[in-house]
Amino acid sequence: MINNKEELELFITNNWNEINNYLDNCFKDLPAPFYSSVDIRESKNKFAPVDLNIYPAGFNNVCTLDLDASIGYFKKLIVKLAPTATSIAIIPESNTKNTFYLDHLAILGRTIRDAGYDVYFTSPDLTLFDGKDSIQLISHSKYDVEIHRTRVCEDGFICLKDLPDVKIHLAILNNDQSSPLDFKWDELSTPVYPTPKIGWFKRQKINYFKYYKQVADKFCEKFLINPELIQAKYMTIENVDFSSKEGLDNLSQAVDQLKETLNPATKIFVKASQGTYGMGISVVSSGEDIAKMNRRARNKMDIGKNKIKFTSILLQEGIETILKYDEMPAEVAIYLIDGHSIGGFMRANSEKDSQANLNSKGMVFKKFCISEIRQNQDHKAKESVYTVIARLATLASCYEIKEVL
């Protein structure tokens, strides 16, 4: 039995092929997300995914070498999904004032274009266009990003309002749909990936981490690993209203109950089950911290992106990161295409400590390259451990997708 972190690292780096063959077989009959990103915390004692995004928004933070390596993954996946496709559309978030997000769109679009496709950005959100057929935007790094108004052709394919000769053969959804887009997805002939049915209007972190525990436990049983080495402990609480304070007593008691199973110094992450963009997260030391929340703190936990009302809560063991970048606490984000790790970066935050939520104001990004890690080689690199954790985390999301299809 592998019982400590050092043994786990050695096992993964020395058995890279066998582990990835196992994961490949697990993915084989499941609907993997088109792409995904996984936030991973590394402590003195474990590695654990703490969040997964099915609509990742940080390809601009992935290093150039990894982006180059990802071209082949995009090509292989698009050929599998739409063998005759030549025109690809990316459907973005509606928050086009975020110029860093526009950097992400530009880099994502360029990478898929380098795979041999015509790439367009299009949105069915009419509020973006102010009556126009397209909008021209400039990203933080001065890339031009043009978004076309979506129309549906007579044959059901996605077309572009101002480019009548363009027909979209495959659409890539990059809108997490915290608020569902007003669009008749089921009537389209153009295939859309990831499925629009799994946006944050539907997804629940409490459901996702249930699936991750199942995936992680099965993996650990297969390879004789202590499952606590690759997951954070958690609990779920329903019917909480931070505005009216209804359910806060139950939440407070649950925090203390989870705390009893952990090192006394460990903090608890209180996460809105549908929270995204780092929103709807508080870090507490005890149930008393819940009882003492002021109105400002409760308001932060009450309403999220696009006015989602948070009522389901995930309590998660706070993994104290040992990673640092320029003396700032840091965590790892791994990006994947079709369940295969293709790159990543470190998220660091000078305004936070090692037990805090780093996906918040003050964060910066440090690119690192993992493209030298290949499926058919053994490796002695820490990054290989991150990629296995990220693949397991993405495998869990396959069951979320299967549930809605």
Protein backbone atom coordinates (compact mmCIF):
# COMPACT_ATOMS: atom_id res chain seq x y z
CA MET A 1 0.00 0.00 0.00
CA ILE A 2 1.29 3.46 -0.94
CA ASN A 3 0.78 5.53 2.21
CA ASN A 4 2.72 8.75 1.80
CA LYS A 5 3.24 11.47 -0.75
CA GLU A 6 6.85 10.57 -1.56
CA GLU A 7 5.89 6.98 -2.39
CA LEU A 8 3.04 8.26 -4.54
CA GLU A 9 5.32 10.55 -6.56
CA LEU A 10 7.80 7.73 -7.12
CA PHE A 11 5.07 5.31 -8.14
CA ILE A 12 3.51 7.67 -10.68
CA THR A 13 6.79 8.70 -12.28
CA ASN A 14 7.97 5.08 -12.51
CA ASN A 15 4.67 3.66 -13.81
CA TRP A 16 3.62 6.42 -16.19
CA ASN A 17 2.65 4.11 -19.06
CA GLU A 18 0.58 1.68 -17.00
CA ILE A 19 -1.29 4.48 -15.21
CA ASN A 20 -2.12 6.36 -18.40
CA ASN A 21 -3.19 3.16 -20.16
CA TYR A 22 -5.59 2.59 -17.27
CA LEU A 23 -6.94 6.13 -17.58
CA ASP A 24 -7.26 5.84 -21.36
CA ASN A 25 -9.42 2.75 -20.87
CA CYS A 26 -11.56 4.58 -18.29
CA PHE A 27 -12.18 7.46 -20.71
CA LYS A 28 -12.86 5.17 -23.68
CA ASP A 29 -16.63 4.78 -23.31
CA LEU A 30 -17.39 8.08 -21.60
CA PRO A 31 -18.22 11.56 -22.99
CA ALA A 32 -15.09 13.51 -22.11
CA PRO A 33 -15.35 17.32 -22.05
CA PHE A 34 -13.96 18.98 -25.18
CA TYR A 35 -11.49 20.77 -22.93
CA SER A 36 -11.16 21.33 -19.20
CA SER A 37 -8.97 22.95 -16.58
CA VAL A 38 -8.22 21.60 -13.11
CA ASP A 39 -6.96 23.55 -10.10
CA ILE A 40 -4.65 21.38 -7.99
CA ARG A 41 -3.31 22.07 -4.51
CA GLU A 42 -0.16 20.35 -3.25
CA SER A 43 0.41 20.22 0.50
CA LYS A 44 3.06 18.49 2.58
CA ASN A 45 0.91 15.35 2.64
CA LYS A 46 -1.21 15.18 -0.51
CA PHE A 47 -2.23 16.37 -3.97
CA ALA A 48 -5.89 17.27 -4.47
CA PRO A 49 -8.01 18.83 -7.20
CA VAL A 50 -10.03 21.67 -5.69
CA ASP A 51 -11.95 22.81 -8.77
CA LEU A 52 -12.67 21.81 -12.37
CA ASN A 53 -13.89 24.03 -15.20
CA ILE A 54 -15.54 22.52 -18.27
CA TYR A 55 -15.32 25.88 -20.08
CA PRO A 56 -11.73 26.97 -19.34
CA ALA A 57 -10.79 30.62 -19.85
CA GLY A 58 -7.01 30.81 -19.47
CA PHE A 59 -5.35 29.48 -22.62
CA ASN A 60 -3.43 32.78 -22.71
CA ASN A 61 -1.59 31.60 -19.58
CA VAL A 62 -0.40 28.33 -21.16
CA CYS A 63 3.20 28.40 -22.43
CA THR A 64 3.92 28.59 -26.15
CA LEU A 65 5.57 25.16 -26.30
CA ASP A 66 2.48 23.56 -24.77
CA LEU A 67 0.17 25.48 -27.10
CA ASP A 68 2.19 24.18 -30.05
CA ALA A 69 1.88 20.64 -28.70
CA SER A 70 -1.89 21.11 -28.20
CA ILE A 71 -2.47 21.73 -31.92
CA GLY A 72 -2.30 18.01 -32.64
CA TYR A 73 -4.74 17.23 -29.80
CA PHE A 74 -7.26 19.76 -31.14
CA LYS A 75 -6.88 18.37 -34.66
CA LYS A 76 -7.37 14.76 -33.53
CA LEU A 77 -10.42 15.64 -31.44
CA ILE A 78 -12.14 17.74 -34.11
CA VAL A 79 -11.57 15.02 -36.72
CA LYS A 80 -13.19 12.55 -34.32
CA LEU A 81 -16.20 14.78 -33.64
CA ALA A 82 -16.74 16.28 -37.11
CA PRO A 83 -14.52 14.56 -39.70
CA THR A 84 -15.42 16.87 -42.61
CA ALA A 85 -15.39 20.15 -40.66
CA THR A 86 -13.52 23.12 -42.07
CA SER A 87 -15.23 26.02 -40.24
CA ILE A 88 -15.14 26.18 -36.44
CA ALA A 89 -16.95 28.68 -34.22
CA ILE A 90 -16.07 29.59 -30.64
CA ILE A 91 -19.04 30.84 -28.59
CA PRO A 92 -17.61 33.15 -25.91
CA GLU A 93 -18.70 34.55 -22.58
CA SER A 94 -20.77 37.72 -22.79
CA ASN A 95 -18.35 39.60 -20.51
CA THR A 96 -16.35 41.09 -23.37
CA LYS A 97 -15.07 43.99 -21.21
CA ASN A 98 -12.58 41.59 -19.60
CA THR A 99 -9.59 42.16 -21.88
CA PHE A 100 -7.62 39.27 -20.34
CA TYR A 101 -10.49 36.97 -21.32
CA LEU A 102 -10.19 38.38 -24.86
CA ASP A 103 -6.50 37.38 -24.76
CA HIS A 104 -7.66 33.85 -23.97
CA LEU A 105 -10.10 33.86 -26.88
CA ALA A 106 -7.45 35.12 -29.28
CA ILE A 107 -4.94 32.44 -28.24
CA LEU A 108 -7.53 29.66 -28.28
CA GLY A 109 -8.72 30.74 -31.71
CA ARG A 110 -5.19 30.97 -33.09
CA THR A 111 -4.28 27.50 -31.79
CA ILE A 112 -7.30 25.88 -33.46
CA ARG A 113 -6.62 27.89 -36.61
CA ASP A 114 -3.08 26.48 -36.60
CA ALA A 115 -4.67 23.01 -36.56
CA GLY A 116 -5.97 23.80 -40.06
CA TYR A 117 -9.42 25.28 -39.52
CA ASP A 118 -11.21 28.53 -40.27
CA VAL A 119 -12.11 29.94 -36.87
CA TYR A 120 -14.79 32.49 -36.02
CA PHE A 121 -16.21 33.92 -32.80
CA THR A 122 -19.97 34.09 -32.66
CA SER A 123 -22.61 34.71 -29.99
CA PRO A 124 -26.41 34.39 -29.86
CA ASP A 125 -26.48 36.98 -27.05
CA LEU A 126 -28.14 39.97 -28.74
CA THR A 127 -27.20 42.32 -25.89
CA LEU A 128 -23.61 42.24 -27.12
CA PHE A 129 -24.30 43.82 -30.48
CA ASP A 130 -26.49 46.90 -29.94
CA GLY A 131 -28.25 46.19 -33.21
CA LYS A 132 -25.03 45.53 -35.13
CA ASP A 133 -24.12 42.29 -36.87
CA SER A 134 -20.62 42.10 -35.35
CA ILE A 135 -18.40 43.86 -32.82
CA GLN A 136 -14.67 44.52 -33.04
CA LEU A 137 -12.72 44.27 -29.78
CA ILE A 138 -9.08 44.62 -28.73
CA SER A 139 -7.63 42.33 -26.06
CA HIS A 140 -5.22 43.21 -23.26
CA SER A 141 -2.28 42.13 -25.43
CA LYS A 142 -3.69 44.06 -28.41
CA TYR A 143 -5.09 41.10 -30.33
CA ASP A 144 -8.07 41.87 -32.56
CA VAL A 145 -11.14 39.85 -31.62
CA GLU A 146 -14.23 40.09 -33.80
CA ILE A 147 -17.46 38.52 -32.56
CA HIS A 148 -20.23 37.88 -35.08
CA ARG A 149 -23.90 37.75 -34.30
CA THR A 150 -25.22 34.20 -34.59
CA ARG A 151 -27.98 33.24 -36.97
CA VAL A 152 -29.34 29.80 -37.79
CA CYS A 153 -29.42 28.73 -41.43
CA GLU A 154 -32.43 26.99 -42.93
CA ASP A 155 -30.70 23.62 -42.62
CA GLY A 156 -30.12 24.16 -38.90
CA PHE A 157 -26.41 24.93 -39.07
CA ILE A 158 -24.98 27.88 -37.18
CA CYS A 159 -24.21 30.76 -39.55
CA LEU A 160 -22.95 34.31 -39.10
CA LYS A 161 -25.23 37.27 -39.53
CA ASP A 162 -22.76 39.42 -41.48
CA LEU A 163 -20.99 36.61 -43.39
CA PRO A 164 -23.74 34.79 -45.32
CA ASP A 165 -21.35 32.39 -47.08
CA VAL A 166 -19.93 30.95 -43.84
CA LYS A 167 -21.48 27.79 -42.39
CA ILE A 168 -20.19 26.49 -39.04
CA HIS A 169 -19.49 22.74 -38.99
CA LEU A 170 -18.58 22.50 -35.29
CA ALA A 171 -19.05 24.97 -32.44
CA ILE A 172 -16.90 25.12 -29.31
CA LEU A 173 -18.81 26.51 -26.34
CA ASN A 174 -16.71 28.77 -24.12
CA ASN A 175 -19.61 30.26 -22.19
CA ASP A 176 -20.11 28.61 -18.80
CA GLN A 177 -23.81 29.53 -18.88
CA SER A 178 -24.18 30.63 -15.29
CA SER A 179 -27.25 32.10 -16.92
CA PRO A 180 -28.41 29.92 -19.85
CA LEU A 181 -28.06 31.47 -23.29
CA ASP A 182 -31.44 31.96 -24.95
CA PHE A 183 -30.81 29.60 -27.83
CA LYS A 184 -32.50 26.46 -29.17
CA TRP A 185 -29.51 24.14 -28.95
CA ASP A 186 -31.49 20.96 -29.60
CA GLU A 187 -32.65 22.22 -32.99
CA LEU A 188 -29.13 22.76 -34.36
CA SER A 189 -27.46 20.66 -37.04
CA THR A 190 -24.07 22.05 -35.95
CA PRO A 191 -22.65 19.90 -33.14
CA VAL A 192 -21.73 21.93 -30.04
CA TYR A 193 -19.02 20.87 -27.55
CA PRO A 194 -18.90 20.81 -24.59
CA THR A 195 -22.61 20.17 -24.33
CA PRO A 196 -24.65 23.28 -23.47
CA LYS A 197 -26.59 21.13 -21.00
CA ILE A 198 -23.75 21.10 -18.43
CA GLY A 199 -23.34 24.86 -17.76
CA TRP A 200 -23.35 26.30 -14.24
CA PHE A 201 -27.13 26.68 -14.37
CA LYS A 202 -27.06 22.87 -14.10
CA ARG A 203 -23.68 21.84 -12.65
CA GLN A 204 -23.18 21.41 -8.93
CA LYS A 205 -19.80 21.09 -7.24
CA ILE A 206 -21.37 18.81 -4.65
CA ASN A 207 -22.26 16.44 -7.48
CA TYR A 208 -18.87 16.73 -9.16
CA PHE A 209 -16.87 15.90 -6.03
CA LYS A 210 -19.11 12.90 -5.38
CA TYR A 211 -18.01 11.57 -8.77
CA TYR A 212 -14.38 12.49 -8.13
CA LYS A 213 -14.37 10.48 -4.90
CA GLN A 214 -15.72 7.45 -6.78
CA VAL A 215 -13.09 7.82 -9.52
CA ALA A 216 -10.24 8.42 -7.06
CA ASP A 217 -11.23 5.54 -4.78
CA LYS A 218 -11.42 3.14 -7.73
CA PHE A 219 -8.01 4.32 -9.02
CA CYS A 220 -6.47 3.89 -5.59
CA GLU A 221 -7.97 0.42 -5.18
CA LYS A 222 -6.47 -0.57 -8.54
CA PHE A 223 -2.97 0.65 -7.67
CA LEU A 224 -3.02 0.07 -3.88
CA ILE A 225 -2.83 3.75 -2.94
CA ASN A 226 -4.21 5.40 0.18
CA PRO A 227 -7.07 7.49 -1.32
CA GLU A 228 -6.48 10.34 1.12
CA LEU A 229 -3.29 11.13 -0.79
CA ILE A 230 -5.22 12.44 -3.83
CA GLN A 231 -8.38 14.06 -2.50
CA ALA A 232 -9.66 16.62 -0.05
CA LYS A 233 -12.26 15.61 2.49
CA TYR A 234 -15.63 17.30 2.05
CA MET A 235 -19.23 17.55 3.18
CA THR A 236 -22.34 18.97 1.51
CA ILE A 237 -25.08 21.14 2.99
CA GLU A 238 -28.39 22.10 1.38
CA ASN A 239 -30.99 24.82 1.98
CA VAL A 240 -28.67 27.58 3.13
CA ASP A 241 -29.73 31.20 2.70
CA PHE A 242 -26.97 33.65 3.58
CA SER A 243 -29.31 36.60 3.18
CA SER A 244 -32.01 35.47 5.63
CA LYS A 245 -29.50 33.41 7.70
CA GLU A 246 -31.70 30.33 7.26
CA GLY A 247 -29.62 27.16 7.55
CA LEU A 248 -26.51 28.92 8.90
CA ASP A 249 -26.73 26.99 12.18
CA ASN A 250 -26.62 23.71 10.26
CA LEU A 251 -23.73 25.01 8.17
CA SER A 252 -21.84 26.06 11.28
CA GLN A 253 -22.31 22.63 12.86
CA ALA A 254 -21.17 20.91 9.66
CA VAL A 255 -17.98 22.99 9.58
CA ASP A 256 -17.11 21.84 13.09
CA GLN A 257 -18.03 18.24 12.22
CA LEU A 258 -15.67 18.24 9.22
CA LYS A 259 -13.01 20.01 11.26
CA GLU A 260 -13.00 17.16 13.80
CA THR A 261 -11.70 14.80 11.09
CA LEU A 262 -8.76 17.08 10.20
CA ASN A 263 -5.63 18.53 11.69
CA PRO A 264 -6.74 21.31 14.08
CA ALA A 265 -4.77 23.90 12.07
CA THR A 266 -6.59 23.05 8.84
CA LYS A 267 -9.04 25.62 7.55
CA ILE A 268 -12.32 24.86 5.79
CA PHE A 269 -13.28 26.18 2.34
CA VAL A 270 -16.96 27.08 2.20
CA LYS A 271 -17.93 26.99 -1.49
CA ALA A 272 -21.15 27.76 -3.28
CA SER A 273 -21.99 24.64 -5.23
CA GLN A 274 -22.55 26.62 -8.44
CA GLY A 275 -19.85 29.22 -7.89
CA THR A 276 -17.43 30.07 -10.68
CA TYR A 277 -14.72 32.67 -11.39
CA GLY A 278 -13.56 32.20 -7.77
CA MET A 279 -16.87 33.63 -6.53
CA GLY A 280 -18.91 32.29 -3.64
CA ILE A 281 -15.94 31.12 -1.56
CA SER A 282 -15.12 31.83 2.09
CA VAL A 283 -12.34 30.32 4.19
CA VAL A 284 -13.12 29.69 7.86
CA SER A 285 -11.38 28.20 10.89
CA SER A 286 -14.49 27.01 12.72
CA GLY A 287 -18.27 27.03 12.75
CA GLU A 288 -18.10 30.14 14.90
CA ASP A 289 -16.74 32.03 11.89
CA ILE A 290 -19.99 31.21 10.06
CA ALA A 291 -22.09 32.49 12.96
CA LYS A 292 -20.08 35.73 13.07
CA MET A 293 -20.27 36.49 9.33
CA ASN A 294 -21.15 40.14 8.77
CA ARG A 295 -23.58 41.30 6.10
CA ARG A 296 -20.83 42.02 3.57
CA ALA A 297 -19.39 38.50 3.90
CA ARG A 298 -22.87 36.96 3.70
CA ASN A 299 -23.70 39.00 0.59
CA LYS A 300 -20.55 37.66 -1.07
CA MET A 301 -21.74 34.12 -0.41
CA ASP A 302 -25.37 34.78 -1.33
CA ILE A 303 -25.31 35.76 -5.01
CA GLY A 304 -22.82 34.81 -7.73
CA LYS A 305 -22.17 35.43 -11.39
CA ASN A 306 -25.29 36.35 -13.35
CA LYS A 307 -27.22 36.61 -10.07
CA ILE A 308 -27.21 32.88 -9.29
CA LYS A 309 -28.63 32.40 -5.77
CA PHE A 310 -26.40 30.09 -3.75
CA THR A 311 -28.29 27.61 -1.54
CA SER A 312 -26.22 24.41 -1.87
CA ILE A 313 -22.83 24.50 -0.16
CA LEU A 314 -19.70 22.38 -0.43
CA LEU A 315 -17.46 22.25 2.64
CA GLN A 316 -13.96 21.25 1.62
CA GLU A 317 -10.77 20.51 3.52
CA GLY A 318 -8.42 23.44 3.02
CA ILE A 319 -5.26 22.11 1.38
CA GLU A 320 -2.39 24.31 2.55
CA THR A 321 -0.19 24.79 -0.50
CA ILE A 322 3.56 24.31 -0.21
CA LEU A 323 4.14 25.83 -3.65
CA LYS A 324 5.52 29.33 -3.98
CA TYR A 325 6.27 31.72 -6.82
CA ASP A 326 8.38 34.78 -5.93
CA GLU A 327 7.54 34.03 -2.28
CA MET A 328 3.81 34.13 -3.05
CA PRO A 329 1.62 31.10 -2.25
CA ALA A 330 0.74 29.29 -5.48
CA GLU A 331 -1.33 26.45 -6.90
CA VAL A 332 -1.25 24.56 -10.18
CA ALA A 333 -3.78 24.73 -13.01
CA ILE A 334 -3.62 21.99 -15.65
CA TYR A 335 -5.36 22.31 -19.02
CA LEU A 336 -6.68 19.28 -20.89
CA ILE A 337 -8.12 18.48 -24.31
CA ASP A 338 -10.36 15.41 -24.55
CA GLY A 339 -9.05 14.24 -21.20
CA HIS A 340 -5.35 14.59 -22.13
CA SER A 341 -3.16 17.03 -20.23
CA ILE A 342 -1.60 19.57 -22.59
CA GLY A 343 -0.22 22.37 -20.43
CA GLY A 344 -0.55 24.43 -17.33
CA PHE A 345 0.55 27.32 -15.18
CA MET A 346 0.87 28.41 -11.56
CA ARG A 347 -1.63 30.80 -10.01
CA ALA A 348 -0.01 32.90 -7.26
CA ASN A 349 -1.41 35.63 -5.05
CA SER A 350 0.58 38.14 -2.99
CA GLU A 351 -2.52 39.20 -1.05
CA LYS A 352 -3.27 35.73 0.32
CA ASP A 353 -1.66 33.17 2.60
CA SER A 354 -1.01 29.48 1.91
CA GLN A 355 -4.44 28.39 3.17
CA ALA A 356 -6.50 30.99 1.30
CA ASN A 357 -8.46 31.06 -1.97
CA LEU A 358 -5.85 32.14 -4.53
CA ASN A 359 -8.35 32.58 -7.37
CA SER A 360 -9.17 36.11 -6.27
CA LYS A 361 -8.02 39.72 -6.45
CA GLY A 362 -4.21 39.99 -6.57
CA MET A 363 -3.56 36.76 -8.48
CA VAL A 364 -0.81 36.50 -11.09
CA PHE A 365 0.20 33.64 -13.39
CA LYS A 366 3.49 31.85 -13.96
CA LYS A 367 3.70 29.76 -17.11
CA PHE A 368 5.45 26.40 -17.05
CA CYS A 369 5.74 23.84 -19.81
CA ILE A 370 4.77 20.17 -19.51
CA SER A 371 4.85 19.30 -23.22
CA GLU A 372 7.90 17.11 -22.67
CA ILE A 373 5.68 14.69 -20.74
CA ARG A 374 4.40 12.07 -23.16
CA GLN A 375 2.07 9.13 -22.83
CA ASN A 376 4.72 6.64 -23.97
CA GLN A 377 7.59 7.49 -21.66
CA ASP A 378 8.41 7.19 -17.98
CA HIS A 379 9.27 10.45 -16.23
CA LYS A 380 10.93 11.73 -13.09
CA ALA A 381 9.04 15.03 -13.05
CA LYS A 382 6.64 16.45 -10.46
CA GLU A 383 4.49 17.66 -13.35
CA SER A 384 3.67 14.05 -14.20
CA VAL A 385 1.87 13.75 -10.86
CA TYR A 386 -0.17 16.88 -11.62
CA THR A 387 -1.20 15.49 -15.00
CA VAL A 388 -2.45 12.23 -13.49
CA ILE A 389 -4.47 14.11 -10.86
CA ALA A 390 -5.88 16.36 -13.60
CA ARG A 391 -6.87 13.39 -15.74
CA LEU A 392 -8.62 11.75 -12.79
CA ALA A 393 -10.41 15.02 -12.07
CA THR A 394 -11.54 15.30 -15.69
CA LEU A 395 -12.63 11.66 -15.70
CA ALA A 396 -15.04 12.56 -12.89
CA SER A 397 -16.55 15.32 -15.05
CA CYS A 398 -17.35 12.71 -17.73
CA TYR A 399 -19.95 11.25 -15.38
CA GLU A 400 -21.49 14.70 -14.92
CA ILE A 401 -21.80 15.03 -18.69
CA LYS A 402 -23.15 11.48 -19.08
CA GLU A 403 -25.82 12.34 -16.54
CA VAL A 404 -27.28 15.16 -18.67
CA LEU A 405 -26.98 13.61 -22.13
